[in-house]
Amino acid sequence: MTASKRGGPREGAGRKPKSADGELMKSRAMRWTDAGWADVLLIGMDRVRELVAKEAAKLRKQHGSE
């Protein structure tokens, strides 16, 4: 087996996840307890994103009317 003269894939060189509307999604670090993470896995990350977006929209609307 001969060694390749070029290096392997670079860190972060793979395909990036995108949202349903095509926006690039980045990984973010969040701290969870084991019980909290189990809850996230139970309802699913898509649902968690929906809940966060809904709550954020509600807060933006409240702050905009003040």
PDB file of N, CA and C in Angstrom:
ATOM      1  N   MET A   1       0.849  -1.178   0.000  1.00  0.00           N
ATOM      2  CA  MET A   1       0.000   0.000   0.000  1.00  0.00           C
ATOM      3  C   MET A   1       0.887   1.231   0.000  1.00  0.00           C
ATOM      4  N   THR A   2       0.678   2.119  -0.919  1.00  0.00           N
ATOM      5  CA  THR A   2       1.516   3.313  -1.012  1.00  0.00           C
ATOM      6  C   THR A   2       0.869   4.463  -0.253  1.00  0.00           C
ATOM      7  N   ALA A   3       1.695   5.278   0.308  1.00  0.00           N
ATOM      8  CA  ALA A   3       1.205   6.431   1.061  1.00  0.00           C
ATOM      9  C   ALA A   3       0.799   7.535   0.096  1.00  0.00           C
ATOM     10  N   SER A   4      -0.298   8.150   0.375  1.00  0.00           N
ATOM     11  CA  SER A   4      -0.765   9.265  -0.436  1.00  0.00           C
ATOM     12  C   SER A   4       0.092  10.490  -0.144  1.00  0.00           C
ATOM     13  N   LYS A   5       0.336  11.294  -1.167  1.00  0.00           N
ATOM     14  CA  LYS A   5       1.125  12.505  -0.965  1.00  0.00           C
ATOM     15  C   LYS A   5       0.274  13.633  -0.412  1.00  0.00           C
ATOM     16  N   ARG A   6      -1.027  13.471  -0.510  1.00  0.00           N
ATOM     17  CA  ARG A   6      -1.924  14.505   0.008  1.00  0.00           C
ATOM     18  C   ARG A   6      -2.487  14.053   1.346  1.00  0.00           C
ATOM     19  N   GLY A   7      -2.817  15.010   2.164  1.00  0.00           N
ATOM     20  CA  GLY A   7      -3.395  14.705   3.469  1.00  0.00           C
ATOM     21  C   GLY A   7      -4.847  14.278   3.355  1.00  0.00           C
ATOM     22  N   GLY A   8      -5.386  13.796   4.420  1.00  0.00           N
ATOM     23  CA  GLY A   8      -6.786  13.386   4.463  1.00  0.00           C
ATOM     24  C   GLY A   8      -7.701  14.593   4.589  1.00  0.00           C
ATOM     25  N   PRO A   9      -8.975  14.312   4.796  1.00  0.00           N
ATOM     26  CA  PRO A   9      -9.924  15.419   4.919  1.00  0.00           C
ATOM     27  C   PRO A   9      -9.580  16.312   6.115  1.00  0.00           C
ATOM     28  N   ARG A  10      -9.747  17.580   5.936  1.00  0.00           N
ATOM     29  CA  ARG A  10      -9.476  18.534   7.008  1.00  0.00           C
ATOM     30  C   ARG A  10     -10.653  18.578   7.974  1.00  0.00           C
ATOM     31  N   GLU A  11     -10.371  19.063   9.153  1.00  0.00           N
ATOM     32  CA  GLU A  11     -11.426  19.233  10.143  1.00  0.00           C
ATOM     33  C   GLU A  11     -12.450  20.220   9.605  1.00  0.00           C
ATOM     34  N   GLY A  12     -13.706  19.852   9.663  1.00  0.00           N
ATOM     35  CA  GLY A  12     -14.769  20.736   9.204  1.00  0.00           C
ATOM     36  C   GLY A  12     -14.960  20.767   7.705  1.00  0.00           C
ATOM     37  N   ALA A  13     -14.338  19.828   6.969  1.00  0.00           N
ATOM     38  CA  ALA A  13     -14.413  19.865   5.515  1.00  0.00           C
ATOM     39  C   ALA A  13     -15.644  19.152   4.963  1.00  0.00           C
ATOM     40  N   GLY A  14     -16.421  18.511   5.825  1.00  0.00           N
ATOM     41  CA  GLY A  14     -17.598  17.769   5.357  1.00  0.00           C
ATOM     42  C   GLY A  14     -18.770  18.677   5.033  1.00  0.00           C
ATOM     43  N   ARG A  15     -19.860  18.055   4.626  1.00  0.00           N
ATOM     44  CA  ARG A  15     -21.064  18.823   4.320  1.00  0.00           C
ATOM     45  C   ARG A  15     -21.649  19.399   5.595  1.00  0.00           C
ATOM     46  N   LYS A  16     -22.125  20.616   5.518  1.00  0.00           N
ATOM     47  CA  LYS A  16     -22.677  21.300   6.677  1.00  0.00           C
ATOM     48  C   LYS A  16     -24.190  21.110   6.715  1.00  0.00           C
ATOM     49  N   PRO A  17     -24.750  20.914   7.909  1.00  0.00           N
ATOM     50  CA  PRO A  17     -26.210  20.776   8.005  1.00  0.00           C
ATOM     51  C   PRO A  17     -26.896  22.103   7.708  1.00  0.00           C
ATOM     52  N   LYS A  18     -28.048  22.011   7.082  1.00  0.00           N
ATOM     53  CA  LYS A  18     -28.827  23.206   6.762  1.00  0.00           C
ATOM     54  C   LYS A  18     -30.241  23.025   7.280  1.00  0.00           C
ATOM     55  N   SER A  19     -30.873  24.151   7.611  1.00  0.00           N
ATOM     56  CA  SER A  19     -32.255  24.119   8.079  1.00  0.00           C
ATOM     57  C   SER A  19     -33.179  23.872   6.893  1.00  0.00           C
ATOM     58  N   ALA A  20     -34.471  23.740   7.183  1.00  0.00           N
ATOM     59  CA  ALA A  20     -35.456  23.477   6.130  1.00  0.00           C
ATOM     60  C   ALA A  20     -35.478  24.577   5.073  1.00  0.00           C
ATOM     61  N   ASP A  21     -35.185  25.817   5.476  1.00  0.00           N
ATOM     62  CA  ASP A  21     -35.187  26.912   4.508  1.00  0.00           C
ATOM     63  C   ASP A  21     -33.816  27.158   3.893  1.00  0.00           C
ATOM     64  N   GLY A  22     -32.852  26.266   4.162  1.00  0.00           N
ATOM     65  CA  GLY A  22     -31.547  26.343   3.519  1.00  0.00           C
ATOM     66  C   GLY A  22     -30.488  27.122   4.276  1.00  0.00           C
ATOM     67  N   GLU A  23     -30.836  27.657   5.434  1.00  0.00           N
ATOM     68  CA  GLU A  23     -29.856  28.417   6.215  1.00  0.00           C
ATOM     69  C   GLU A  23     -28.844  27.465   6.849  1.00  0.00           C
ATOM     70  N   LEU A  24     -27.576  27.823   6.792  1.00  0.00           N
ATOM     71  CA  LEU A  24     -26.515  27.021   7.363  1.00  0.00           C
ATOM     72  C   LEU A  24     -26.681  26.937   8.880  1.00  0.00           C
ATOM     73  N   MET A  25     -26.573  25.728   9.421  1.00  0.00           N
ATOM     74  CA  MET A  25     -26.698  25.529  10.865  1.00  0.00           C
ATOM     75  C   MET A  25     -25.323  25.223  11.447  1.00  0.00           C
ATOM     76  N   LYS A  26     -25.005  25.825  12.572  1.00  0.00           N
ATOM     77  CA  LYS A  26     -23.734  25.610  13.244  1.00  0.00           C
ATOM     78  C   LYS A  26     -23.984  24.879  14.556  1.00  0.00           C
ATOM     79  N   SER A  27     -23.020  24.074  14.958  1.00  0.00           N
ATOM     80  CA  SER A  27     -23.107  23.412  16.258  1.00  0.00           C
ATOM     81  C   SER A  27     -22.842  24.444  17.342  1.00  0.00           C
ATOM     82  N   ARG A  28     -23.589  24.359  18.410  1.00  0.00           N
ATOM     83  CA  ARG A  28     -23.425  25.260  19.543  1.00  0.00           C
ATOM     84  C   ARG A  28     -23.302  24.422  20.813  1.00  0.00           C
ATOM     85  N   ALA A  29     -22.507  24.880  21.722  1.00  0.00           N
ATOM     86  CA  ALA A  29     -22.340  24.170  22.988  1.00  0.00           C
ATOM     87  C   ALA A  29     -23.410  24.631  23.973  1.00  0.00           C
ATOM     88  N   MET A  30     -24.097  23.679  24.565  1.00  0.00           N
ATOM     89  CA  MET A  30     -25.092  23.963  25.603  1.00  0.00           C
ATOM     90  C   MET A  30     -24.879  22.967  26.726  1.00  0.00           C
ATOM     91  N   ARG A  31     -25.016  23.418  27.929  1.00  0.00           N
ATOM     92  CA  ARG A  31     -24.859  22.515  29.068  1.00  0.00           C
ATOM     93  C   ARG A  31     -26.221  21.967  29.471  1.00  0.00           C
ATOM     94  N   TRP A  32     -26.299  20.657  29.636  1.00  0.00           N
ATOM     95  CA  TRP A  32     -27.519  19.974  30.036  1.00  0.00           C
ATOM     96  C   TRP A  32     -27.187  18.988  31.146  1.00  0.00           C
ATOM     97  N   THR A  33     -28.116  18.811  32.056  1.00  0.00           N
ATOM     98  CA  THR A  33     -27.994  17.698  32.988  1.00  0.00           C
ATOM     99  C   THR A  33     -28.343  16.435  32.208  1.00  0.00           C
ATOM    100  N   ASP A  34     -28.027  15.287  32.768  1.00  0.00           N
ATOM    101  CA  ASP A  34     -28.382  14.038  32.090  1.00  0.00           C
ATOM    102  C   ASP A  34     -29.893  13.922  31.918  1.00  0.00           C
ATOM    103  N   ALA A  35     -30.640  14.330  32.939  1.00  0.00           N
ATOM    104  CA  ALA A  35     -32.104  14.261  32.858  1.00  0.00           C
ATOM    105  C   ALA A  35     -32.631  15.231  31.796  1.00  0.00           C
ATOM    106  N   GLY A  36     -32.065  16.435  31.749  1.00  0.00           N
ATOM    107  CA  GLY A  36     -32.488  17.408  30.747  1.00  0.00           C
ATOM    108  C   GLY A  36     -32.178  16.947  29.336  1.00  0.00           C
ATOM    109  N   TRP A  37     -31.001  16.348  29.146  1.00  0.00           N
ATOM    110  CA  TRP A  37     -30.621  15.848  27.822  1.00  0.00           C
ATOM    111  C   TRP A  37     -31.514  14.686  27.416  1.00  0.00           C
ATOM    112  N   ALA A  38     -31.877  13.844  28.378  1.00  0.00           N
ATOM    113  CA  ALA A  38     -32.796  12.736  28.090  1.00  0.00           C
ATOM    114  C   ALA A  38     -34.139  13.278  27.607  1.00  0.00           C
ATOM    115  N   ASP A  39     -34.580  14.401  28.193  1.00  0.00           N
ATOM    116  CA  ASP A  39     -35.823  15.036  27.750  1.00  0.00           C
ATOM    117  C   ASP A  39     -35.691  15.555  26.322  1.00  0.00           C
ATOM    118  N   VAL A  40     -34.556  16.164  26.010  1.00  0.00           N
ATOM    119  CA  VAL A  40     -34.311  16.660  24.648  1.00  0.00           C
ATOM    120  C   VAL A  40     -34.364  15.503  23.661  1.00  0.00           C
ATOM    121  N   LEU A  41     -33.696  14.412  23.990  1.00  0.00           N
ATOM    122  CA  LEU A  41     -33.688  13.256  23.092  1.00  0.00           C
ATOM    123  C   LEU A  41     -35.079  12.653  22.952  1.00  0.00           C
ATOM    124  N   LEU A  42     -35.866  12.723  24.021  1.00  0.00           N
ATOM    125  CA  LEU A  42     -37.221  12.169  23.986  1.00  0.00           C
ATOM    126  C   LEU A  42     -38.114  12.934  23.008  1.00  0.00           C
ATOM    127  N   ILE A  43     -38.054  14.276  23.055  1.00  0.00           N
ATOM    128  CA  ILE A  43     -38.926  15.050  22.167  1.00  0.00           C
ATOM    129  C   ILE A  43     -38.277  15.362  20.827  1.00  0.00           C
ATOM    130  N   GLY A  44     -36.968  15.276  20.737  1.00  0.00           N
ATOM    131  CA  GLY A  44     -36.274  15.475  19.467  1.00  0.00           C
ATOM    132  C   GLY A  44     -35.790  16.902  19.286  1.00  0.00           C
ATOM    133  N   MET A  45     -34.650  17.039  18.616  1.00  0.00           N
ATOM    134  CA  MET A  45     -34.048  18.359  18.418  1.00  0.00           C
ATOM    135  C   MET A  45     -34.891  19.264  17.528  1.00  0.00           C
ATOM    136  N   ASP A  46     -35.588  18.707  16.546  1.00  0.00           N
ATOM    137  CA  ASP A  46     -36.429  19.547  15.689  1.00  0.00           C
ATOM    138  C   ASP A  46     -37.515  20.223  16.517  1.00  0.00           C
ATOM    139  N   ARG A  47     -38.117  19.463  17.423  1.00  0.00           N
ATOM    140  CA  ARG A  47     -39.172  20.018  18.286  1.00  0.00           C
ATOM    141  C   ARG A  47     -38.578  21.039  19.256  1.00  0.00           C
ATOM    142  N   VAL A  48     -37.387  20.776  19.778  1.00  0.00           N
ATOM    143  CA  VAL A  48     -36.728  21.732  20.662  1.00  0.00           C
ATOM    144  C   VAL A  48     -36.496  23.039  19.922  1.00  0.00           C
ATOM    145  N   ARG A  49     -36.036  22.958  18.675  1.00  0.00           N
ATOM    146  CA  ARG A  49     -35.824  24.174  17.878  1.00  0.00           C
ATOM    147  C   ARG A  49     -37.137  24.922  17.668  1.00  0.00           C
ATOM    148  N   GLU A  50     -38.216  24.196  17.408  1.00  0.00           N
ATOM    149  CA  GLU A  50     -39.526  24.834  17.239  1.00  0.00           C
ATOM    150  C   GLU A  50     -39.944  25.565  18.511  1.00  0.00           C
ATOM    151  N   LEU A  51     -39.773  24.902  19.657  1.00  0.00           N
ATOM    152  CA  LEU A  51     -40.167  25.508  20.924  1.00  0.00           C
ATOM    153  C   LEU A  51     -39.343  26.757  21.223  1.00  0.00           C
ATOM    154  N   VAL A  52     -38.050  26.700  20.958  1.00  0.00           N
ATOM    155  CA  VAL A  52     -37.178  27.852  21.199  1.00  0.00           C
ATOM    156  C   VAL A  52     -37.580  29.007  20.285  1.00  0.00           C
ATOM    157  N   ALA A  53     -37.815  28.725  19.016  1.00  0.00           N
ATOM    158  CA  ALA A  53     -38.195  29.770  18.065  1.00  0.00           C
ATOM    159  C   ALA A  53     -39.529  30.404  18.457  1.00  0.00           C
ATOM    160  N   LYS A  54     -40.478  29.588  18.888  1.00  0.00           N
ATOM    161  CA  LYS A  54     -41.793  30.085  19.296  1.00  0.00           C
ATOM    162  C   LYS A  54     -41.666  30.983  20.527  1.00  0.00           C
ATOM    163  N   GLU A  55     -40.902  30.542  21.509  1.00  0.00           N
ATOM    164  CA  GLU A  55     -40.716  31.325  22.729  1.00  0.00           C
ATOM    165  C   GLU A  55     -39.967  32.628  22.437  1.00  0.00           C
ATOM    166  N   ALA A  56     -38.953  32.567  21.572  1.00  0.00           N
ATOM    167  CA  ALA A  56     -38.193  33.765  21.215  1.00  0.00           C
ATOM    168  C   ALA A  56     -39.080  34.775  20.483  1.00  0.00           C
ATOM    169  N   ALA A  57     -39.930  34.301  19.585  1.00  0.00           N
ATOM    170  CA  ALA A  57     -40.839  35.192  18.864  1.00  0.00           C
ATOM    171  C   ALA A  57     -41.795  35.878  19.840  1.00  0.00           C
ATOM    172  N   LYS A  58     -42.271  35.128  20.821  1.00  0.00           N
ATOM    173  CA  LYS A  58     -43.175  35.694  21.826  1.00  0.00           C
ATOM    174  C   LYS A  58     -42.454  36.779  22.635  1.00  0.00           C
ATOM    175  N   LEU A  59     -41.211  36.526  23.033  1.00  0.00           N
ATOM    176  CA  LEU A  59     -40.447  37.510  23.796  1.00  0.00           C
ATOM    177  C   LEU A  59     -40.122  38.743  22.964  1.00  0.00           C
ATOM    178  N   ARG A  60     -39.779  38.534  21.682  1.00  0.00           N
ATOM    179  CA  ARG A  60     -39.503  39.677  20.813  1.00  0.00           C
ATOM    180  C   ARG A  60     -40.732  40.573  20.664  1.00  0.00           C
ATOM    181  N   LYS A  61     -41.898  39.938  20.555  1.00  0.00           N
ATOM    182  CA  LYS A  61     -43.138  40.680  20.414  1.00  0.00           C
ATOM    183  C   LYS A  61     -43.420  41.480  21.685  1.00  0.00           C
ATOM    184  N   GLN A  62     -43.187  40.882  22.854  1.00  0.00           N
ATOM    185  CA  GLN A  62     -43.398  41.583  24.122  1.00  0.00           C
ATOM    186  C   GLN A  62     -42.457  42.773  24.254  1.00  0.00           C
ATOM    187  N   HIS A  63     -41.185  42.573  23.928  1.00  0.00           N
ATOM    188  CA  HIS A  63     -40.198  43.639  24.061  1.00  0.00           C
ATOM    189  C   HIS A  63     -40.406  44.731  23.021  1.00  0.00           C
ATOM    190  N   GLY A  64     -40.963  44.382  21.881  1.00  0.00           N
ATOM    191  CA  GLY A  64     -41.224  45.380  20.847  1.00  0.00           C
ATOM    192  C   GLY A  64     -42.386  46.284  21.201  1.00  0.00           C
ATOM    193  N   SER A  65     -43.340  45.785  21.997  1.00  0.00           N
ATOM    194  CA  SER A  65     -44.502  46.586  22.344  1.00  0.00           C
ATOM    195  C   SER A  65     -44.283  47.440  23.596  1.00  0.00           C
ATOM    196  N   GLU A  66     -43.141  47.261  24.251  1.00  0.00           N
ATOM    197  CA  GLU A  66     -42.867  48.041  25.476  1.00  0.00           C
ATOM    198  C   GLU A  66     -42.271  49.385  25.156  1.00  0.00           C
TER     199      GLU A  66
END
